[in-house]
Full PDB file with SEQRES, HELIX, SHEET, SSBOND, CRYST1, ORIGX, SCALE, CONECT and MASTER records, all heavy atoms in Angstrom:
SEQRES   1 A   31  ASN ASP LEU TRP LYS ALA ILE GLU GLU TRP GLU PHE LEU          
SEQRES   2 A   31  LEU GLU GLN LYS SER LEU PHE GLN ARG VAL ARG GLU GLN          
SEQRES   3 A   31  ARG LYS ALA ARG GLU                                          
HELIX    1 AA1 LEU A    3  GLN A   16  1                                  14    
HELIX    2 AA2 LEU A   19  ARG A   30  1                                  12    
CRYST1    1.000    1.000    1.000  90.00  90.00  90.00 P 1           1          
ORIGX1      1.000000  0.000000  0.000000        0.00000                         
ORIGX2      0.000000  1.000000  0.000000        0.00000                         
ORIGX3      0.000000  0.000000  1.000000        0.00000                         
SCALE1      1.000000  0.000000  0.000000        0.00000                         
SCALE2      0.000000  1.000000  0.000000        0.00000                         
SCALE3      0.000000  0.000000  1.000000        0.00000                         
ATOM      1  N   ASN A   1     102.859 110.039 125.267  1.00  0.00           N  
ATOM      2  CA  ASN A   1     103.353 109.535 126.516  1.00  0.00           C  
ATOM      3  C   ASN A   1     102.207 109.556 127.451  1.00  0.00           C  
ATOM      4  O   ASN A   1     101.260 110.456 127.415  1.00  0.00           O  
ATOM      5  CB  ASN A   1     104.396 110.524 127.045  1.00  0.00           C  
ATOM      6  CG  ASN A   1     105.598 110.534 126.127  1.00  0.00           C  
ATOM      7  OD1 ASN A   1     106.333 109.563 125.904  1.00  0.00           O  
ATOM      8  ND2 ASN A   1     105.805 111.713 125.489  1.00  0.00           N  
ATOM      9  N   ASP A   2     102.182 108.569 128.378  1.00  0.00           N  
ATOM     10  CA  ASP A   2     101.202 108.373 129.452  1.00  0.00           C  
ATOM     11  C   ASP A   2     101.485 109.291 130.577  1.00  0.00           C  
ATOM     12  O   ASP A   2     102.388 108.954 131.317  1.00  0.00           O  
ATOM     13  CB  ASP A   2     101.014 106.917 129.781  1.00  0.00           C  
ATOM     14  CG  ASP A   2      99.786 106.656 130.698  1.00  0.00           C  
ATOM     15  OD1 ASP A   2      99.522 107.449 131.544  1.00  0.00           O  
ATOM     16  OD2 ASP A   2      99.186 105.600 130.535  1.00  0.00           O  
ATOM     17  N   LEU A   3     100.838 110.448 130.723  1.00  0.00           N  
ATOM     18  CA  LEU A   3     101.078 111.332 131.770  1.00  0.00           C  
ATOM     19  C   LEU A   3     100.845 110.778 133.135  1.00  0.00           C  
ATOM     20  O   LEU A   3     101.637 110.925 134.081  1.00  0.00           O  
ATOM     21  CB  LEU A   3     100.213 112.560 131.562  1.00  0.00           C  
ATOM     22  CG  LEU A   3     100.259 113.679 132.645  1.00  0.00           C  
ATOM     23  CD1 LEU A   3     101.838 114.245 132.706  1.00  0.00           C  
ATOM     24  CD2 LEU A   3      99.381 114.807 132.394  1.00  0.00           C  
ATOM     25  N   TRP A   4      99.736 109.883 133.260  1.00  0.00           N  
ATOM     26  CA  TRP A   4      99.397 109.370 134.531  1.00  0.00           C  
ATOM     27  C   TRP A   4     100.525 108.506 135.141  1.00  0.00           C  
ATOM     28  O   TRP A   4     100.811 108.616 136.241  1.00  0.00           O  
ATOM     29  CB  TRP A   4      98.124 108.659 134.437  1.00  0.00           C  
ATOM     30  CG  TRP A   4      97.498 108.357 135.766  1.00  0.00           C  
ATOM     31  CD1 TRP A   4      97.484 107.122 136.302  1.00  0.00           C  
ATOM     32  CD2 TRP A   4      96.857 109.229 136.559  1.00  0.00           C  
ATOM     33  NE1 TRP A   4      96.842 107.111 137.634  1.00  0.00           N  
ATOM     34  CE2 TRP A   4      96.418 108.454 137.728  1.00  0.00           C  
ATOM     35  CE3 TRP A   4      96.497 110.569 136.618  1.00  0.00           C  
ATOM     36  CZ2 TRP A   4      95.701 108.945 138.841  1.00  0.00           C  
ATOM     37  CZ3 TRP A   4      95.823 111.072 137.615  1.00  0.00           C  
ATOM     38  CH2 TRP A   4      95.453 110.285 138.838  1.00  0.00           C  
ATOM     39  N   LYS A   5     100.968 107.612 134.209  1.00  0.00           N  
ATOM     40  CA  LYS A   5     102.077 106.780 134.594  1.00  0.00           C  
ATOM     41  C   LYS A   5     103.368 107.515 134.896  1.00  0.00           C  
ATOM     42  O   LYS A   5     104.070 107.159 135.851  1.00  0.00           O  
ATOM     43  CB  LYS A   5     102.294 105.695 133.528  1.00  0.00           C  
ATOM     44  CG  LYS A   5     101.240 104.679 133.454  1.00  0.00           C  
ATOM     45  CD  LYS A   5     101.657 103.561 132.404  1.00  0.00           C  
ATOM     46  CE  LYS A   5     100.557 102.520 132.239  1.00  0.00           C  
ATOM     47  NZ  LYS A   5     100.796 101.535 131.263  1.00  0.00           N  
ATOM     48  N   ALA A   6     103.563 108.595 134.124  1.00  0.00           N  
ATOM     49  CA  ALA A   6     104.774 109.432 134.389  1.00  0.00           C  
ATOM     50  C   ALA A   6     104.721 110.138 135.697  1.00  0.00           C  
ATOM     51  O   ALA A   6     105.718 110.183 136.475  1.00  0.00           O  
ATOM     52  CB  ALA A   6     104.972 110.328 133.222  1.00  0.00           C  
ATOM     53  N   ILE A   7     103.503 110.582 136.119  1.00  0.00           N  
ATOM     54  CA  ILE A   7     103.403 111.259 137.338  1.00  0.00           C  
ATOM     55  C   ILE A   7     103.589 110.272 138.541  1.00  0.00           C  
ATOM     56  O   ILE A   7     104.360 110.612 139.467  1.00  0.00           O  
ATOM     57  CB  ILE A   7     101.919 111.884 137.512  1.00  0.00           C  
ATOM     58  CG1 ILE A   7     101.783 112.970 136.462  1.00  0.00           C  
ATOM     59  CG2 ILE A   7     101.671 112.322 138.884  1.00  0.00           C  
ATOM     60  CD1 ILE A   7     100.511 113.554 136.525  1.00  0.00           C  
ATOM     61  N   GLU A   8     103.033 109.050 138.368  1.00  0.00           N  
ATOM     62  CA  GLU A   8     103.205 108.027 139.391  1.00  0.00           C  
ATOM     63  C   GLU A   8     104.791 107.744 139.631  1.00  0.00           C  
ATOM     64  O   GLU A   8     105.234 107.619 140.752  1.00  0.00           O  
ATOM     65  CB  GLU A   8     102.456 106.726 139.028  1.00  0.00           C  
ATOM     66  CG  GLU A   8     100.982 106.892 139.286  1.00  0.00           C  
ATOM     67  CD  GLU A   8     100.173 105.578 138.980  1.00  0.00           C  
ATOM     68  OE1 GLU A   8     100.806 104.791 138.209  1.00  0.00           O  
ATOM     69  OE2 GLU A   8      99.112 105.472 139.359  1.00  0.00           O  
ATOM     70  N   GLU A   9     105.380 107.636 138.464  1.00  0.00           N  
ATOM     71  CA  GLU A   9     106.790 107.272 138.564  1.00  0.00           C  
ATOM     72  C   GLU A   9     107.583 108.452 139.103  1.00  0.00           C  
ATOM     73  O   GLU A   9     108.500 108.194 139.991  1.00  0.00           O  
ATOM     74  CB  GLU A   9     107.366 107.045 137.155  1.00  0.00           C  
ATOM     75  CG  GLU A   9     108.794 106.470 137.025  1.00  0.00           C  
ATOM     76  CD  GLU A   9     109.255 106.129 135.612  1.00  0.00           C  
ATOM     77  OE1 GLU A   9     108.569 106.520 134.691  1.00  0.00           O  
ATOM     78  OE2 GLU A   9     110.304 105.541 135.488  1.00  0.00           O  
ATOM     79  N   TRP A  10     107.407 109.632 138.791  1.00  0.00           N  
ATOM     80  CA  TRP A  10     108.098 110.808 139.190  1.00  0.00           C  
ATOM     81  C   TRP A  10     107.745 110.962 140.695  1.00  0.00           C  
ATOM     82  O   TRP A  10     108.670 111.331 141.603  1.00  0.00           O  
ATOM     83  CB  TRP A  10     107.693 112.110 138.568  1.00  0.00           C  
ATOM     84  CG  TRP A  10     108.462 112.276 137.312  1.00  0.00           C  
ATOM     85  CD1 TRP A  10     108.558 111.419 136.128  1.00  0.00           C  
ATOM     86  CD2 TRP A  10     109.390 113.332 136.974  1.00  0.00           C  
ATOM     87  NE1 TRP A  10     109.315 112.038 135.269  1.00  0.00           N  
ATOM     88  CE2 TRP A  10     109.865 113.126 135.705  1.00  0.00           C  
ATOM     89  CE3 TRP A  10     109.683 114.519 137.731  1.00  0.00           C  
ATOM     90  CZ2 TRP A  10     110.792 114.040 135.182  1.00  0.00           C  
ATOM     91  CZ3 TRP A  10     110.595 115.451 137.071  1.00  0.00           C  
ATOM     92  CH2 TRP A  10     111.164 115.184 135.893  1.00  0.00           C  
ATOM     93  N   GLU A  11     106.561 110.688 141.125  1.00  0.00           N  
ATOM     94  CA  GLU A  11     106.184 110.803 142.620  1.00  0.00           C  
ATOM     95  C   GLU A  11     107.064 109.840 143.415  1.00  0.00           C  
ATOM     96  O   GLU A  11     107.506 110.090 144.459  1.00  0.00           O  
ATOM     97  CB  GLU A  11     104.752 110.593 142.766  1.00  0.00           C  
ATOM     98  CG  GLU A  11     103.869 111.842 142.398  1.00  0.00           C  
ATOM     99  CD  GLU A  11     102.366 111.460 142.536  1.00  0.00           C  
ATOM    100  OE1 GLU A  11     101.991 110.261 142.521  1.00  0.00           O  
ATOM    101  OE2 GLU A  11     101.628 112.462 142.665  1.00  0.00           O  
ATOM    102  N   PHE A  12     107.066 108.630 142.867  1.00  0.00           N  
ATOM    103  CA  PHE A  12     107.826 107.554 143.483  1.00  0.00           C  
ATOM    104  C   PHE A  12     109.371 107.926 143.733  1.00  0.00           C  
ATOM    105  O   PHE A  12     109.972 107.824 144.733  1.00  0.00           O  
ATOM    106  CB  PHE A  12     107.799 106.161 142.788  1.00  0.00           C  
ATOM    107  CG  PHE A  12     108.617 105.134 143.363  1.00  0.00           C  
ATOM    108  CD1 PHE A  12     108.414 104.475 144.422  1.00  0.00           C  
ATOM    109  CD2 PHE A  12     109.842 104.863 142.649  1.00  0.00           C  
ATOM    110  CE1 PHE A  12     109.195 103.428 144.988  1.00  0.00           C  
ATOM    111  CE2 PHE A  12     110.676 103.815 143.095  1.00  0.00           C  
ATOM    112  CZ  PHE A  12     110.345 103.162 144.355  1.00  0.00           C  
ATOM    113  N   LEU A  13     109.941 108.376 142.495  1.00  0.00           N  
ATOM    114  CA  LEU A  13     111.402 108.726 142.526  1.00  0.00           C  
ATOM    115  C   LEU A  13     111.614 109.927 143.366  1.00  0.00           C  
ATOM    116  O   LEU A  13     112.630 109.946 144.166  1.00  0.00           O  
ATOM    117  CB  LEU A  13     111.843 109.116 141.022  1.00  0.00           C  
ATOM    118  CG  LEU A  13     111.767 107.923 140.155  1.00  0.00           C  
ATOM    119  CD1 LEU A  13     112.019 108.384 138.643  1.00  0.00           C  
ATOM    120  CD2 LEU A  13     112.743 106.952 140.496  1.00  0.00           C  
ATOM    121  N   LEU A  14     110.732 110.918 143.512  1.00  0.00           N  
ATOM    122  CA  LEU A  14     111.021 112.075 144.371  1.00  0.00           C  
ATOM    123  C   LEU A  14     110.748 111.746 145.852  1.00  0.00           C  
ATOM    124  O   LEU A  14     111.271 112.438 146.732  1.00  0.00           O  
ATOM    125  CB  LEU A  14     110.027 113.164 143.943  1.00  0.00           C  
ATOM    126  CG  LEU A  14     110.432 113.825 142.593  1.00  0.00           C  
ATOM    127  CD1 LEU A  14     109.315 114.877 142.127  1.00  0.00           C  
ATOM    128  CD2 LEU A  14     111.724 114.542 142.576  1.00  0.00           C  
ATOM    129  N   GLU A  15     109.957 110.719 146.107  1.00  0.00           N  
ATOM    130  CA  GLU A  15     109.858 110.266 147.520  1.00  0.00           C  
ATOM    131  C   GLU A  15     111.200 109.611 147.980  1.00  0.00           C  
ATOM    132  O   GLU A  15     111.564 109.780 149.086  1.00  0.00           O  
ATOM    133  CB  GLU A  15     108.725 109.174 147.589  1.00  0.00           C  
ATOM    134  CG  GLU A  15     107.299 109.835 147.681  1.00  0.00           C  
ATOM    135  CD  GLU A  15     106.231 108.799 147.808  1.00  0.00           C  
ATOM    136  OE1 GLU A  15     106.676 107.498 147.877  1.00  0.00           O  
ATOM    137  OE2 GLU A  15     105.192 109.120 147.738  1.00  0.00           O  
ATOM    138  N   GLN A  16     111.908 108.910 147.041  1.00  0.00           N  
ATOM    139  CA  GLN A  16     113.197 108.331 147.337  1.00  0.00           C  
ATOM    140  C   GLN A  16     114.262 109.426 147.644  1.00  0.00           C  
ATOM    141  O   GLN A  16     114.998 109.364 148.451  1.00  0.00           O  
ATOM    142  CB  GLN A  16     113.559 107.389 146.279  1.00  0.00           C  
ATOM    143  CG  GLN A  16     112.610 106.388 145.796  1.00  0.00           C  
ATOM    144  CD  GLN A  16     111.862 105.692 146.932  1.00  0.00           C  
ATOM    145  OE1 GLN A  16     112.563 105.058 147.760  1.00  0.00           O  
ATOM    146  NE2 GLN A  16     110.546 105.742 146.938  1.00  0.00           N  
ATOM    147  N   LYS A  17     114.185 110.413 146.700  1.00  0.00           N  
ATOM    148  CA  LYS A  17     115.204 111.498 146.771  1.00  0.00           C  
ATOM    149  C   LYS A  17     114.531 112.786 146.292  1.00  0.00           C  
ATOM    150  O   LYS A  17     114.254 112.787 145.005  1.00  0.00           O  
ATOM    151  CB  LYS A  17     116.403 111.183 146.095  1.00  0.00           C  
ATOM    152  CG  LYS A  17     117.664 112.188 146.290  1.00  0.00           C  
ATOM    153  CD  LYS A  17     118.776 111.794 145.448  1.00  0.00           C  
ATOM    154  CE  LYS A  17     119.336 110.462 145.887  1.00  0.00           C  
ATOM    155  NZ  LYS A  17     120.591 110.102 144.984  1.00  0.00           N  
ATOM    156  N   SER A  18     114.317 113.797 146.976  1.00  0.00           N  
ATOM    157  CA  SER A  18     113.693 115.136 146.548  1.00  0.00           C  
ATOM    158  C   SER A  18     114.518 115.820 145.550  1.00  0.00           C  
ATOM    159  O   SER A  18     115.790 115.582 145.299  1.00  0.00           O  
ATOM    160  CB  SER A  18     113.473 116.065 147.615  1.00  0.00           C  
ATOM    161  OG  SER A  18     114.664 116.555 148.064  1.00  0.00           O  
ATOM    162  N   LEU A  19     113.873 116.722 144.816  1.00  0.00           N  
ATOM    163  CA  LEU A  19     114.655 117.503 143.835  1.00  0.00           C  
ATOM    164  C   LEU A  19     115.621 118.347 144.399  1.00  0.00           C  
ATOM    165  O   LEU A  19     116.680 118.543 143.918  1.00  0.00           O  
ATOM    166  CB  LEU A  19     113.642 118.374 142.984  1.00  0.00           C  
ATOM    167  CG  LEU A  19     114.213 119.238 141.924  1.00  0.00           C  
ATOM    168  CD1 LEU A  19     114.908 118.398 140.882  1.00  0.00           C  
ATOM    169  CD2 LEU A  19     113.066 120.188 141.277  1.00  0.00           C  
ATOM    170  N   PHE A  20     115.340 118.884 145.607  1.00  0.00           N  
ATOM    171  CA  PHE A  20     116.307 119.667 146.468  1.00  0.00           C  
ATOM    172  C   PHE A  20     117.575 118.756 146.732  1.00  0.00           C  
ATOM    173  O   PHE A  20     118.628 119.272 146.485  1.00  0.00           O  
ATOM    174  CB  PHE A  20     115.693 120.064 147.727  1.00  0.00           C  
ATOM    175  CG  PHE A  20     116.695 120.735 148.652  1.00  0.00           C  
ATOM    176  CD1 PHE A  20     117.104 122.034 148.434  1.00  0.00           C  
ATOM    177  CD2 PHE A  20     117.115 120.044 149.700  1.00  0.00           C  
ATOM    178  CE1 PHE A  20     118.005 122.598 149.291  1.00  0.00           C  
ATOM    179  CE2 PHE A  20     118.066 120.578 150.587  1.00  0.00           C  
ATOM    180  CZ  PHE A  20     118.596 121.938 150.355  1.00  0.00           C  
ATOM    181  N   GLN A  21     117.365 117.592 147.095  1.00  0.00           N  
ATOM    182  CA  GLN A  21     118.558 116.662 147.384  1.00  0.00           C  
ATOM    183  C   GLN A  21     119.315 116.386 146.130  1.00  0.00           C  
ATOM    184  O   GLN A  21     120.523 116.560 146.229  1.00  0.00           O  
ATOM    185  CB  GLN A  21     118.124 115.395 147.950  1.00  0.00           C  
ATOM    186  CG  GLN A  21     117.490 115.571 149.390  1.00  0.00           C  
ATOM    187  CD  GLN A  21     116.805 114.241 149.916  1.00  0.00           C  
ATOM    188  OE1 GLN A  21     116.039 113.557 149.204  1.00  0.00           O  
ATOM    189  NE2 GLN A  21     117.285 113.727 150.999  1.00  0.00           N  
ATOM    190  N   ARG A  22     118.698 116.297 145.019  1.00  0.00           N  
ATOM    191  CA  ARG A  22     119.353 116.040 143.857  1.00  0.00           C  
ATOM    192  C   ARG A  22     120.066 117.172 143.280  1.00  0.00           C  
ATOM    193  O   ARG A  22     121.256 117.065 142.729  1.00  0.00           O  
ATOM    194  CB  ARG A  22     118.338 115.499 142.653  1.00  0.00           C  
ATOM    195  CG  ARG A  22     117.636 114.188 143.004  1.00  0.00           C  
ATOM    196  CD  ARG A  22     116.447 113.947 142.126  1.00  0.00           C  
ATOM    197  NE  ARG A  22     115.795 112.801 142.674  1.00  0.00           N  
ATOM    198  CZ  ARG A  22     115.877 111.510 142.210  1.00  0.00           C  
ATOM    199  NH1 ARG A  22     116.924 111.296 141.340  1.00  0.00           N  
ATOM    200  NH2 ARG A  22     115.152 110.555 142.726  1.00  0.00           N  
ATOM    201  N   VAL A  23     119.555 118.508 143.421  1.00  0.00           N  
ATOM    202  CA  VAL A  23     120.256 119.595 143.146  1.00  0.00           C  
ATOM    203  C   VAL A  23     121.426 119.888 143.937  1.00  0.00           C  
ATOM    204  O   VAL A  23     122.594 120.164 143.560  1.00  0.00           O  
ATOM    205  CB  VAL A  23     119.346 120.795 143.236  1.00  0.00           C  
ATOM    206  CG1 VAL A  23     120.134 122.140 143.030  1.00  0.00           C  
ATOM    207  CG2 VAL A  23     118.161 120.746 142.019  1.00  0.00           C  
ATOM    208  N   ARG A  24     121.241 119.572 145.344  1.00  0.00           N  
ATOM    209  CA  ARG A  24     122.312 119.696 146.179  1.00  0.00           C  
ATOM    210  C   ARG A  24     123.563 118.738 145.846  1.00  0.00           C  
ATOM    211  O   ARG A  24     124.652 119.257 145.946  1.00  0.00           O  
ATOM    212  CB  ARG A  24     121.890 119.385 147.638  1.00  0.00           C  
ATOM    213  CG  ARG A  24     122.940 119.601 148.826  1.00  0.00           C  
ATOM    214  CD  ARG A  24     122.382 119.571 150.088  1.00  0.00           C  
ATOM    215  NE  ARG A  24     121.703 118.255 150.338  1.00  0.00           N  
ATOM    216  CZ  ARG A  24     121.059 117.914 151.399  1.00  0.00           C  
ATOM    217  NH1 ARG A  24     120.890 118.869 152.398  1.00  0.00           N  
ATOM    218  NH2 ARG A  24     120.498 116.816 151.560  1.00  0.00           N  
ATOM    219  N   GLU A  25     123.248 117.582 145.507  1.00  0.00           N  
ATOM    220  CA  GLU A  25     124.265 116.722 144.945  1.00  0.00           C  
ATOM    221  C   GLU A  25     125.022 117.127 143.742  1.00  0.00           C  
ATOM    222  O   GLU A  25     126.135 117.075 143.628  1.00  0.00           O  
ATOM    223  CB  GLU A  25     123.653 115.289 144.590  1.00  0.00           C  
ATOM    224  CG  GLU A  25     123.283 114.542 145.988  1.00  0.00           C  
ATOM    225  CD  GLU A  25     122.598 113.184 145.522  1.00  0.00           C  
ATOM    226  OE1 GLU A  25     122.436 112.896 144.358  1.00  0.00           O  
ATOM    227  OE2 GLU A  25     122.328 112.420 146.510  1.00  0.00           O  
ATOM    228  N   GLN A  26     124.331 117.678 142.880  1.00  0.00           N  
ATOM    229  CA  GLN A  26     124.912 118.336 141.622  1.00  0.00           C  
ATOM    230  C   GLN A  26     125.711 119.460 142.006  1.00  0.00           C  
ATOM    231  O   GLN A  26     126.877 119.709 141.459  1.00  0.00           O  
ATOM    232  CB  GLN A  26     123.816 118.759 140.661  1.00  0.00           C  
ATOM    233  CG  GLN A  26     123.029 117.618 140.058  1.00  0.00           C  
ATOM    234  CD  GLN A  26     123.912 116.690 139.233  1.00  0.00           C  
ATOM    235  OE1 GLN A  26     124.764 117.114 138.504  1.00  0.00           O  
ATOM    236  NE2 GLN A  26     123.476 115.447 139.311  1.00  0.00           N  
ATOM    237  N   ARG A  27     125.222 120.351 143.003  1.00  0.00           N  
ATOM    238  CA  ARG A  27     126.068 121.416 143.380  1.00  0.00           C  
ATOM    239  C   ARG A  27     127.437 120.867 144.041  1.00  0.00           C  
ATOM    240  O   ARG A  27     128.575 121.519 143.794  1.00  0.00           O  
ATOM    241  CB  ARG A  27     125.318 122.258 144.370  1.00  0.00           C  
ATOM    242  CG  ARG A  27     126.095 123.400 145.020  1.00  0.00           C  
ATOM    243  CD  ARG A  27     125.172 124.213 146.037  1.00  0.00           C  
ATOM    244  NE  ARG A  27     125.906 125.349 146.550  1.00  0.00           N  
ATOM    245  CZ  ARG A  27     126.712 125.383 147.658  1.00  0.00           C  
ATOM    246  NH1 ARG A  27     126.814 124.203 148.354  1.00  0.00           N  
ATOM    247  NH2 ARG A  27     127.277 126.444 148.103  1.00  0.00           N  
ATOM    248  N   LYS A  28     127.228 119.896 144.913  1.00  0.00           N  
ATOM    249  CA  LYS A  28     128.509 119.286 145.505  1.00  0.00           C  
ATOM    250  C   LYS A  28     129.443 118.901 144.378  1.00  0.00           C  
ATOM    251  O   LYS A  28     130.690 119.049 144.495  1.00  0.00           O  
ATOM    252  CB  LYS A  28     128.148 118.148 146.443  1.00  0.00           C  
ATOM    253  CG  LYS A  28     127.744 118.473 147.772  1.00  0.00           C  
ATOM    254  CD  LYS A  28     127.629 117.178 148.503  1.00  0.00           C  
ATOM    255  CE  LYS A  28     127.215 117.572 150.047  1.00  0.00           C  
ATOM    256  NZ  LYS A  28     127.192 116.360 150.898  1.00  0.00           N  
ATOM    257  N   ALA A  29     128.995 118.112 143.372  1.00  0.00           N  
ATOM    258  CA  ALA A  29     129.869 117.631 142.459  1.00  0.00           C  
ATOM    259  C   ALA A  29     130.513 118.819 141.652  1.00  0.00           C  
ATOM    260  O   ALA A  29     131.727 118.706 141.282  1.00  0.00           O  
ATOM    261  CB  ALA A  29     129.075 116.802 141.485  1.00  0.00           C  
ATOM    262  N   ARG A  30     129.654 119.844 141.311  1.00  0.00           N  
ATOM    263  CA  ARG A  30     130.348 120.877 140.551  1.00  0.00           C  
ATOM    264  C   ARG A  30     131.376 121.667 141.308  1.00  0.00           C  
ATOM    265  O   ARG A  30     132.485 121.925 140.935  1.00  0.00           O  
ATOM    266  CB  ARG A  30     129.209 121.907 140.108  1.00  0.00           C  
ATOM    267  CG  ARG A  30     129.798 123.101 139.350  1.00  0.00           C  
ATOM    268  CD  ARG A  30     128.602 124.038 138.838  1.00  0.00           C  
ATOM    269  NE  ARG A  30     127.688 124.268 139.884  1.00  0.00           N  
ATOM    270  CZ  ARG A  30     127.953 125.323 140.918  1.00  0.00           C  
ATOM    271  NH1 ARG A  30     129.066 125.959 140.835  1.00  0.00           N  
ATOM    272  NH2 ARG A  30     127.005 125.539 141.789  1.00  0.00           N  
ATOM    273  N   GLU A  31     130.987 121.972 142.591  1.00  0.00           N  
ATOM    274  CA  GLU A  31     131.951 122.663 143.507  1.00  0.00           C  
ATOM    275  C   GLU A  31     133.190 121.766 143.733  1.00  0.00           C  
ATOM    276  O   GLU A  31     134.258 122.363 143.835  1.00  0.00           O  
ATOM    277  CB  GLU A  31     131.325 122.997 144.790  1.00  0.00           C  
ATOM    278  CG  GLU A  31     130.062 124.038 144.654  1.00  0.00           C  
ATOM    279  CD  GLU A  31     130.627 125.455 144.400  1.00  0.00           C  
ATOM    280  OE1 GLU A  31     131.871 125.740 144.190  1.00  0.00           O  
ATOM    281  OE2 GLU A  31     129.781 126.408 144.111  1.00  0.00           O  
TER     282      GLU A  31                                                      
MASTER        0    0    0    2    0    0    0    6  281    1    0    3          
END                                                                             
């Protein structure tokens, strides 16, 4: 796997929605 491309992709996705926001959404769904 191309780590450099993966990092760029993850950085882009986390700029759109942080890991904290994603975890909070999962918490909401579970609760």
